[in-house]
PDB file of N, CA and C in Angstrom:
ATOM      1  N   MET A   1      67.221 -81.191  25.526  1.00  0.00           N
ATOM      2  CA  MET A   1      67.748 -79.867  25.676  1.00  0.00           C
ATOM      3  C   MET A   1      66.759 -78.947  26.395  1.00  0.00           C
ATOM      4  N   TYR A   2      65.701 -79.483  26.876  1.00  0.00           N
ATOM      5  CA  TYR A   2      64.709 -78.662  27.567  1.00  0.00           C
ATOM      6  C   TYR A   2      65.304 -78.078  28.844  1.00  0.00           C
ATOM      7  N   GLY A   3      65.205 -76.780  29.014  1.00  0.00           N
ATOM      8  CA  GLY A   3      65.712 -76.116  30.198  1.00  0.00           C
ATOM      9  C   GLY A   3      67.148 -75.637  30.063  1.00  0.00           C
ATOM     10  N   PHE A   4      67.810 -75.944  28.963  1.00  0.00           N
ATOM     11  CA  PHE A   4      69.195 -75.536  28.798  1.00  0.00           C
ATOM     12  C   PHE A   4      69.372 -74.493  27.692  1.00  0.00           C
ATOM     13  N   GLU A   5      68.268 -73.930  27.204  1.00  0.00           N
ATOM     14  CA  GLU A   5      68.366 -72.973  26.099  1.00  0.00           C
ATOM     15  C   GLU A   5      69.136 -71.725  26.479  1.00  0.00           C
ATOM     16  N   HIS A   6      69.030 -71.305  27.733  1.00  0.00           N
ATOM     17  CA  HIS A   6      69.661 -70.062  28.157  1.00  0.00           C
ATOM     18  C   HIS A   6      70.887 -70.314  29.023  1.00  0.00           C
ATOM     19  N   GLY A   7      71.408 -71.507  29.009  1.00  0.00           N
ATOM     20  CA  GLY A   7      72.602 -71.824  29.764  1.00  0.00           C
ATOM     21  C   GLY A   7      72.341 -72.054  31.243  1.00  0.00           C
ATOM     22  N   GLU A   8      71.114 -72.244  31.625  1.00  0.00           N
ATOM     23  CA  GLU A   8      70.778 -72.473  33.028  1.00  0.00           C
ATOM     24  C   GLU A   8      70.803 -73.974  33.301  1.00  0.00           C
ATOM     25  N   MET A   9      71.927 -74.454  33.801  1.00  0.00           N
ATOM     26  CA  MET A   9      72.101 -75.883  33.999  1.00  0.00           C
ATOM     27  C   MET A   9      71.243 -76.415  35.138  1.00  0.00           C
ATOM     28  N   LEU A  10      70.981 -75.622  36.166  1.00  0.00           N
ATOM     29  CA  LEU A  10      70.210 -76.111  37.298  1.00  0.00           C
ATOM     30  C   LEU A  10      68.734 -76.270  36.968  1.00  0.00           C
ATOM     31  N   MET A  11      68.296 -75.708  35.875  1.00  0.00           N
ATOM     32  CA  MET A  11      66.880 -75.772  35.515  1.00  0.00           C
ATOM     33  C   MET A  11      66.428 -77.223  35.339  1.00  0.00           C
ATOM     34  N   GLY A  12      67.258 -78.061  34.780  1.00  0.00           N
ATOM     35  CA  GLY A  12      66.899 -79.448  34.561  1.00  0.00           C
ATOM     36  C   GLY A  12      66.888 -80.265  35.852  1.00  0.00           C
ATOM     37  N   TRP A  13      67.471 -79.771  36.895  1.00  0.00           N
ATOM     38  CA  TRP A  13      67.539 -80.482  38.160  1.00  0.00           C
ATOM     39  C   TRP A  13      66.327 -80.209  39.033  1.00  0.00           C
ATOM     40  N   GLY A  14      65.526 -79.241  38.672  1.00  0.00           N
ATOM     41  CA  GLY A  14      64.305 -78.952  39.417  1.00  0.00           C
ATOM     42  C   GLY A  14      64.579 -78.415  40.811  1.00  0.00           C
ATOM     43  N   TRP A  15      63.783 -78.860  41.762  1.00  0.00           N
ATOM     44  CA  TRP A  15      63.891 -78.357  43.131  1.00  0.00           C
ATOM     45  C   TRP A  15      65.216 -78.729  43.780  1.00  0.00           C
ATOM     46  N   PHE A  16      65.798 -79.857  43.370  1.00  0.00           N
ATOM     47  CA  PHE A  16      67.072 -80.277  43.941  1.00  0.00           C
ATOM     48  C   PHE A  16      68.174 -79.267  43.610  1.00  0.00           C
ATOM     49  N   GLY A  17      68.168 -78.771  42.406  1.00  0.00           N
ATOM     50  CA  GLY A  17      69.136 -77.755  42.002  1.00  0.00           C
ATOM     51  C   GLY A  17      68.959 -76.474  42.784  1.00  0.00           C
ATOM     52  N   MET A  18      67.706 -76.097  43.038  1.00  0.00           N
ATOM     53  CA  MET A  18      67.437 -74.895  43.802  1.00  0.00           C
ATOM     54  C   MET A  18      67.912 -75.048  45.251  1.00  0.00           C
ATOM     55  N   VAL A  19      67.713 -76.225  45.820  1.00  0.00           N
ATOM     56  CA  VAL A  19      68.181 -76.481  47.185  1.00  0.00           C
ATOM     57  C   VAL A  19      69.707 -76.388  47.238  1.00  0.00           C
ATOM     58  N   LEU A  20      70.375 -76.981  46.275  1.00  0.00           N
ATOM     59  CA  LEU A  20      71.836 -76.911  46.233  1.00  0.00           C
ATOM     60  C   LEU A  20      72.321 -75.478  46.086  1.00  0.00           C
ATOM     61  N   MET A  21      71.578 -74.696  45.322  1.00  0.00           N
ATOM     62  CA  MET A  21      71.969 -73.316  45.100  1.00  0.00           C
ATOM     63  C   MET A  21      71.940 -72.515  46.407  1.00  0.00           C
ATOM     64  N   TRP A  22      71.116 -72.907  47.365  1.00  0.00           N
ATOM     65  CA  TRP A  22      71.045 -72.217  48.653  1.00  0.00           C
ATOM     66  C   TRP A  22      71.870 -72.904  49.738  1.00  0.00           C
ATOM     67  N   VAL A  23      71.909 -74.209  49.739  1.00  0.00           N
ATOM     68  CA  VAL A  23      72.588 -74.937  50.811  1.00  0.00           C
ATOM     69  C   VAL A  23      74.104 -74.793  50.729  1.00  0.00           C
ATOM     70  N   ILE A  24      74.666 -74.872  49.561  1.00  0.00           N
ATOM     71  CA  ILE A  24      76.122 -74.812  49.420  1.00  0.00           C
ATOM     72  C   ILE A  24      76.690 -73.474  49.897  1.00  0.00           C
ATOM     73  N   PRO A  25      76.168 -72.317  49.461  1.00  0.00           N
ATOM     74  CA  PRO A  25      76.725 -71.057  49.979  1.00  0.00           C
ATOM     75  C   PRO A  25      76.535 -70.890  51.492  1.00  0.00           C
ATOM     76  N   VAL A  26      75.388 -71.311  52.019  1.00  0.00           N
ATOM     77  CA  VAL A  26      75.154 -71.206  53.457  1.00  0.00           C
ATOM     78  C   VAL A  26      76.139 -72.099  54.206  1.00  0.00           C
ATOM     79  N   ALA A  27      76.384 -73.293  53.720  1.00  0.00           N
ATOM     80  CA  ALA A  27      77.328 -74.208  54.364  1.00  0.00           C
ATOM     81  C   ALA A  27      78.747 -73.632  54.339  1.00  0.00           C
ATOM     82  N   ILE A  28      79.115 -72.983  53.264  1.00  0.00           N
ATOM     83  CA  ILE A  28      80.443 -72.371  53.163  1.00  0.00           C
ATOM     84  C   ILE A  28      80.575 -71.236  54.171  1.00  0.00           C
ATOM     85  N   ILE A  29      79.540 -70.413  54.299  1.00  0.00           N
ATOM     86  CA  ILE A  29      79.575 -69.305  55.256  1.00  0.00           C
ATOM     87  C   ILE A  29      79.675 -69.832  56.679  1.00  0.00           C
ATOM     88  N   VAL A  30      78.891 -70.846  57.019  1.00  0.00           N
ATOM     89  CA  VAL A  30      78.929 -71.426  58.361  1.00  0.00           C
ATOM     90  C   VAL A  30      80.312 -72.010  58.650  1.00  0.00           C
ATOM     91  N   ALA A  31      80.889 -72.696  57.686  1.00  0.00           N
ATOM     92  CA  ALA A  31      82.223 -73.281  57.877  1.00  0.00           C
ATOM     93  C   ALA A  31      83.276 -72.197  58.101  1.00  0.00           C
ATOM     94  N   MET A  32      83.173 -71.084  57.379  1.00  0.00           N
ATOM     95  CA  MET A  32      84.135 -69.999  57.547  1.00  0.00           C
ATOM     96  C   MET A  32      83.985 -69.341  58.918  1.00  0.00           C
ATOM     97  N   VAL A  33      82.761 -69.164  59.376  1.00  0.00           N
ATOM     98  CA  VAL A  33      82.537 -68.573  60.695  1.00  0.00           C
ATOM     99  C   VAL A  33      83.114 -69.476  61.775  1.00  0.00           C
ATOM    100  N   ARG A  34      82.855 -70.769  61.685  1.00  0.00           N
ATOM    101  CA  ARG A  34      83.390 -71.704  62.677  1.00  0.00           C
ATOM    102  C   ARG A  34      84.906 -71.735  62.644  1.00  0.00           C
ATOM    103  N   LEU A  35      85.483 -71.632  61.479  1.00  0.00           N
ATOM    104  CA  LEU A  35      86.933 -71.708  61.347  1.00  0.00           C
ATOM    105  C   LEU A  35      87.626 -70.481  61.922  1.00  0.00           C
ATOM    106  N   PHE A  36      87.076 -69.289  61.656  1.00  0.00           N
ATOM    107  CA  PHE A  36      87.765 -68.062  62.022  1.00  0.00           C
ATOM    108  C   PHE A  36      87.305 -67.432  63.326  1.00  0.00           C
ATOM    109  N   ILE A  37      86.108 -67.715  63.776  1.00  0.00           N
ATOM    110  CA  ILE A  37      85.572 -67.025  64.944  1.00  0.00           C
ATOM    111  C   ILE A  37      85.389 -67.952  66.135  1.00  0.00           C
ATOM    112  N   TRP A  38      84.802 -69.104  65.929  1.00  0.00           N
ATOM    113  CA  TRP A  38      84.425 -69.988  67.031  1.00  0.00           C
ATOM    114  C   TRP A  38      85.645 -70.646  67.640  1.00  0.00           C
ATOM    115  N   ARG A  39      85.665 -70.677  68.962  1.00  0.00           N
ATOM    116  CA  ARG A  39      86.717 -71.391  69.695  1.00  0.00           C
ATOM    117  C   ARG A  39      86.061 -72.349  70.662  1.00  0.00           C
ATOM    118  N   PRO A  40      86.605 -73.529  70.815  1.00  0.00           N
ATOM    119  CA  PRO A  40      86.045 -74.450  71.802  1.00  0.00           C
ATOM    120  C   PRO A  40      86.168 -73.867  73.206  1.00  0.00           C
ATOM    121  N   GLU A  41      85.213 -74.214  74.047  1.00  0.00           N
ATOM    122  CA  GLU A  41      85.261 -73.723  75.417  1.00  0.00           C
ATOM    123  C   GLU A  41      86.474 -74.308  76.130  1.00  0.00           C
ATOM    124  N   GLY A  42      87.036 -73.519  77.015  1.00  0.00           N
ATOM    125  CA  GLY A  42      88.178 -73.993  77.773  1.00  0.00           C
ATOM    126  C   GLY A  42      89.513 -73.677  77.127  1.00  0.00           C
ATOM    127  N   THR A  43      89.499 -73.215  75.884  1.00  0.00           N
ATOM    128  CA  THR A  43      90.763 -72.845  75.253  1.00  0.00           C
ATOM    129  C   THR A  43      90.897 -71.334  75.301  1.00  0.00           C
ATOM    130  N   SER A  44      91.953 -70.892  75.898  1.00  0.00           N
ATOM    131  CA  SER A  44      92.202 -69.461  75.958  1.00  0.00           C
ATOM    132  C   SER A  44      93.642 -69.207  75.572  1.00  0.00           C
ATOM    133  N   ARG A  45      93.884 -68.035  75.113  1.00  0.00           N
ATOM    134  CA  ARG A  45      95.242 -67.673  74.732  1.00  0.00           C
ATOM    135  C   ARG A  45      96.011 -67.277  75.972  1.00  0.00           C
ATOM    136  N   GLN A  46      97.207 -67.808  76.097  1.00  0.00           N
ATOM    137  CA  GLN A  46      98.065 -67.489  77.223  1.00  0.00           C
ATOM    138  C   GLN A  46      98.990 -66.333  76.855  1.00  0.00           C
ATOM    139  N   THR A  47      99.334 -65.567  77.853  1.00  0.00           N
ATOM    140  CA  THR A  47     100.316 -64.517  77.632  1.00  0.00           C
ATOM    141  C   THR A  47     101.708 -65.140  77.680  1.00  0.00           C
ATOM    142  N   ALA A  48     102.677 -64.397  77.198  1.00  0.00           N
ATOM    143  CA  ALA A  48     104.059 -64.885  77.198  1.00  0.00           C
ATOM    144  C   ALA A  48     104.544 -65.116  78.631  1.00  0.00           C
ATOM    145  N   ARG A  49     104.103 -64.253  79.537  1.00  0.00           N
ATOM    146  CA  ARG A  49     104.512 -64.401  80.938  1.00  0.00           C
ATOM    147  C   ARG A  49     103.959 -65.700  81.532  1.00  0.00           C
ATOM    148  N   GLU A  50     102.699 -66.028  81.230  1.00  0.00           N
ATOM    149  CA  GLU A  50     102.097 -67.266  81.740  1.00  0.00           C
ATOM    150  C   GLU A  50     102.819 -68.494  81.205  1.00  0.00           C
ATOM    151  N   ILE A  51     103.173 -68.445  79.937  1.00  0.00           N
ATOM    152  CA  ILE A  51     103.907 -69.567  79.344  1.00  0.00           C
ATOM    153  C   ILE A  51     105.270 -69.724  80.007  1.00  0.00           C
ATOM    154  N   LEU A  52     105.941 -68.593  80.243  1.00  0.00           N
ATOM    155  CA  LEU A  52     107.246 -68.618  80.902  1.00  0.00           C
ATOM    156  C   LEU A  52     107.135 -69.178  82.319  1.00  0.00           C
ATOM    157  N   GLU A  53     106.110 -68.762  83.050  1.00  0.00           N
ATOM    158  CA  GLU A  53     105.909 -69.267  84.407  1.00  0.00           C
ATOM    159  C   GLU A  53     105.646 -70.775  84.422  1.00  0.00           C
ATOM    160  N   GLU A  54     104.885 -71.251  83.459  1.00  0.00           N
ATOM    161  CA  GLU A  54     104.616 -72.697  83.371  1.00  0.00           C
ATOM    162  C   GLU A  54     105.892 -73.475  83.067  1.00  0.00           C
ATOM    163  N   ARG A  55     106.700 -72.949  82.167  1.00  0.00           N
ATOM    164  CA  ARG A  55     107.954 -73.633  81.833  1.00  0.00           C
ATOM    165  C   ARG A  55     108.885 -73.691  83.045  1.00  0.00           C
ATOM    166  N   TYR A  56     108.932 -72.606  83.810  1.00  0.00           N
ATOM    167  CA  TYR A  56     109.753 -72.579  85.025  1.00  0.00           C
ATOM    168  C   TYR A  56     109.207 -73.551  86.065  1.00  0.00           C
ATOM    169  N   ALA A  57     107.889 -73.596  86.205  1.00  0.00           N
ATOM    170  CA  ALA A  57     107.268 -74.494  87.183  1.00  0.00           C
ATOM    171  C   ALA A  57     107.507 -75.959  86.823  1.00  0.00           C
ATOM    172  N   ARG A  58     107.544 -76.277  85.546  1.00  0.00           N
ATOM    173  CA  ARG A  58     107.797 -77.660  85.119  1.00  0.00           C
ATOM    174  C   ARG A  58     109.275 -78.021  85.172  1.00  0.00           C
ATOM    175  N   GLY A  59     110.141 -77.039  85.389  1.00  0.00           N
ATOM    176  CA  GLY A  59     111.572 -77.308  85.468  1.00  0.00           C
ATOM    177  C   GLY A  59     112.252 -77.317  84.119  1.00  0.00           C
ATOM    178  N   GLU A  60     111.627 -76.791  83.108  1.00  0.00           N
ATOM    179  CA  GLU A  60     112.228 -76.768  81.775  1.00  0.00           C
ATOM    180  C   GLU A  60     113.339 -75.734  81.677  1.00  0.00           C
ATOM    181  N   ILE A  61     113.251 -74.666  82.475  1.00  0.00           N
ATOM    182  CA  ILE A  61     114.285 -73.636  82.458  1.00  0.00           C
ATOM    183  C   ILE A  61     114.753 -73.363  83.889  1.00  0.00           C
ATOM    184  N   GLU A  62     115.971 -72.908  83.998  1.00  0.00           N
ATOM    185  CA  GLU A  62     116.576 -72.609  85.305  1.00  0.00           C
ATOM    186  C   GLU A  62     116.128 -71.234  85.793  1.00  0.00           C
ATOM    187  N   ARG A  63     116.377 -70.970  87.078  1.00  0.00           N
ATOM    188  CA  ARG A  63     115.964 -69.709  87.697  1.00  0.00           C
ATOM    189  C   ARG A  63     116.597 -68.501  87.012  1.00  0.00           C
ATOM    190  N   ASP A  64     117.889 -68.582  86.731  1.00  0.00           N
ATOM    191  CA  ASP A  64     118.576 -67.457  86.087  1.00  0.00           C
ATOM    192  C   ASP A  64     117.977 -67.162  84.710  1.00  0.00           C
ATOM    193  N   ASP A  65     117.747 -68.225  83.964  1.00  0.00           N
ATOM    194  CA  ASP A  65     117.146 -68.076  82.639  1.00  0.00           C
ATOM    195  C   ASP A  65     115.730 -67.493  82.748  1.00  0.00           C
ATOM    196  N   TYR A  66     114.983 -67.967  83.743  1.00  0.00           N
ATOM    197  CA  TYR A  66     113.629 -67.456  83.978  1.00  0.00           C
ATOM    198  C   TYR A  66     113.662 -65.952  84.265  1.00  0.00           C
ATOM    199  N   LEU A  67     114.538 -65.532  85.170  1.00  0.00           N
ATOM    200  CA  LEU A  67     114.615 -64.121  85.545  1.00  0.00           C
ATOM    201  C   LEU A  67     115.066 -63.254  84.367  1.00  0.00           C
ATOM    202  N   LYS A  68     116.012 -63.766  83.572  1.00  0.00           N
ATOM    203  CA  LYS A  68     116.475 -63.022  82.403  1.00  0.00           C
ATOM    204  C   LYS A  68     115.334 -62.825  81.403  1.00  0.00           C
ATOM    205  N   ARG A  69     114.615 -63.899  81.108  1.00  0.00           N
ATOM    206  CA  ARG A  69     113.514 -63.814  80.147  1.00  0.00           C
ATOM    207  C   ARG A  69     112.361 -62.960  80.688  1.00  0.00           C
ATOM    208  N   LEU A  70     112.124 -63.042  81.989  1.00  0.00           N
ATOM    209  CA  LEU A  70     111.092 -62.215  82.605  1.00  0.00           C
ATOM    210  C   LEU A  70     111.452 -60.739  82.476  1.00  0.00           C
ATOM    211  N   GLY A  71     112.726 -60.446  82.658  1.00  0.00           N
ATOM    212  CA  GLY A  71     113.195 -59.065  82.467  1.00  0.00           C
ATOM    213  C   GLY A  71     113.041 -58.610  81.018  1.00  0.00           C
ATOM    214  N   ASP A  72     113.304 -59.501  80.088  1.00  0.00           N
ATOM    215  CA  ASP A  72     113.144 -59.174  78.668  1.00  0.00           C
ATOM    216  C   ASP A  72     111.677 -58.881  78.327  1.00  0.00           C
ATOM    217  N   LEU A  73     110.780 -59.615  78.937  1.00  0.00           N
ATOM    218  CA  LEU A  73     109.357 -59.424  78.671  1.00  0.00           C
ATOM    219  C   LEU A  73     108.852 -58.095  79.230  1.00  0.00           C
ATOM    220  N   SER A  74     109.436 -57.648  80.334  1.00  0.00           N
ATOM    221  CA  SER A  74     108.948 -56.423  80.962  1.00  0.00           C
ATOM    222  C   SER A  74     109.497 -55.165  80.290  1.00  0.00           C
ATOM    223  N   LYS A  75     110.461 -55.316  79.400  1.00  0.00           N
ATOM    224  CA  LYS A  75     111.030 -54.155  78.697  1.00  0.00           C
ATOM    225  C   LYS A  75     110.071 -53.613  77.670  1.00  0.00           C
TER     226      LYS A  75
END
């Protein structure tokens, strides 16, 4: 029971417990930053107009449909 008198469970783990106490929160913060902020290079957000132009260029939509949707976007 040495080291557990005051409810400090990491006390019995010595330096390893202290390392875990610092590494785990830092790793969580780094993971959150990468998840929410970091973007791989080369990936950019396209506008609705760019997506529409690509779909028209690939032949997915007809000219009339393209012009109608383009008009809707400009409103």
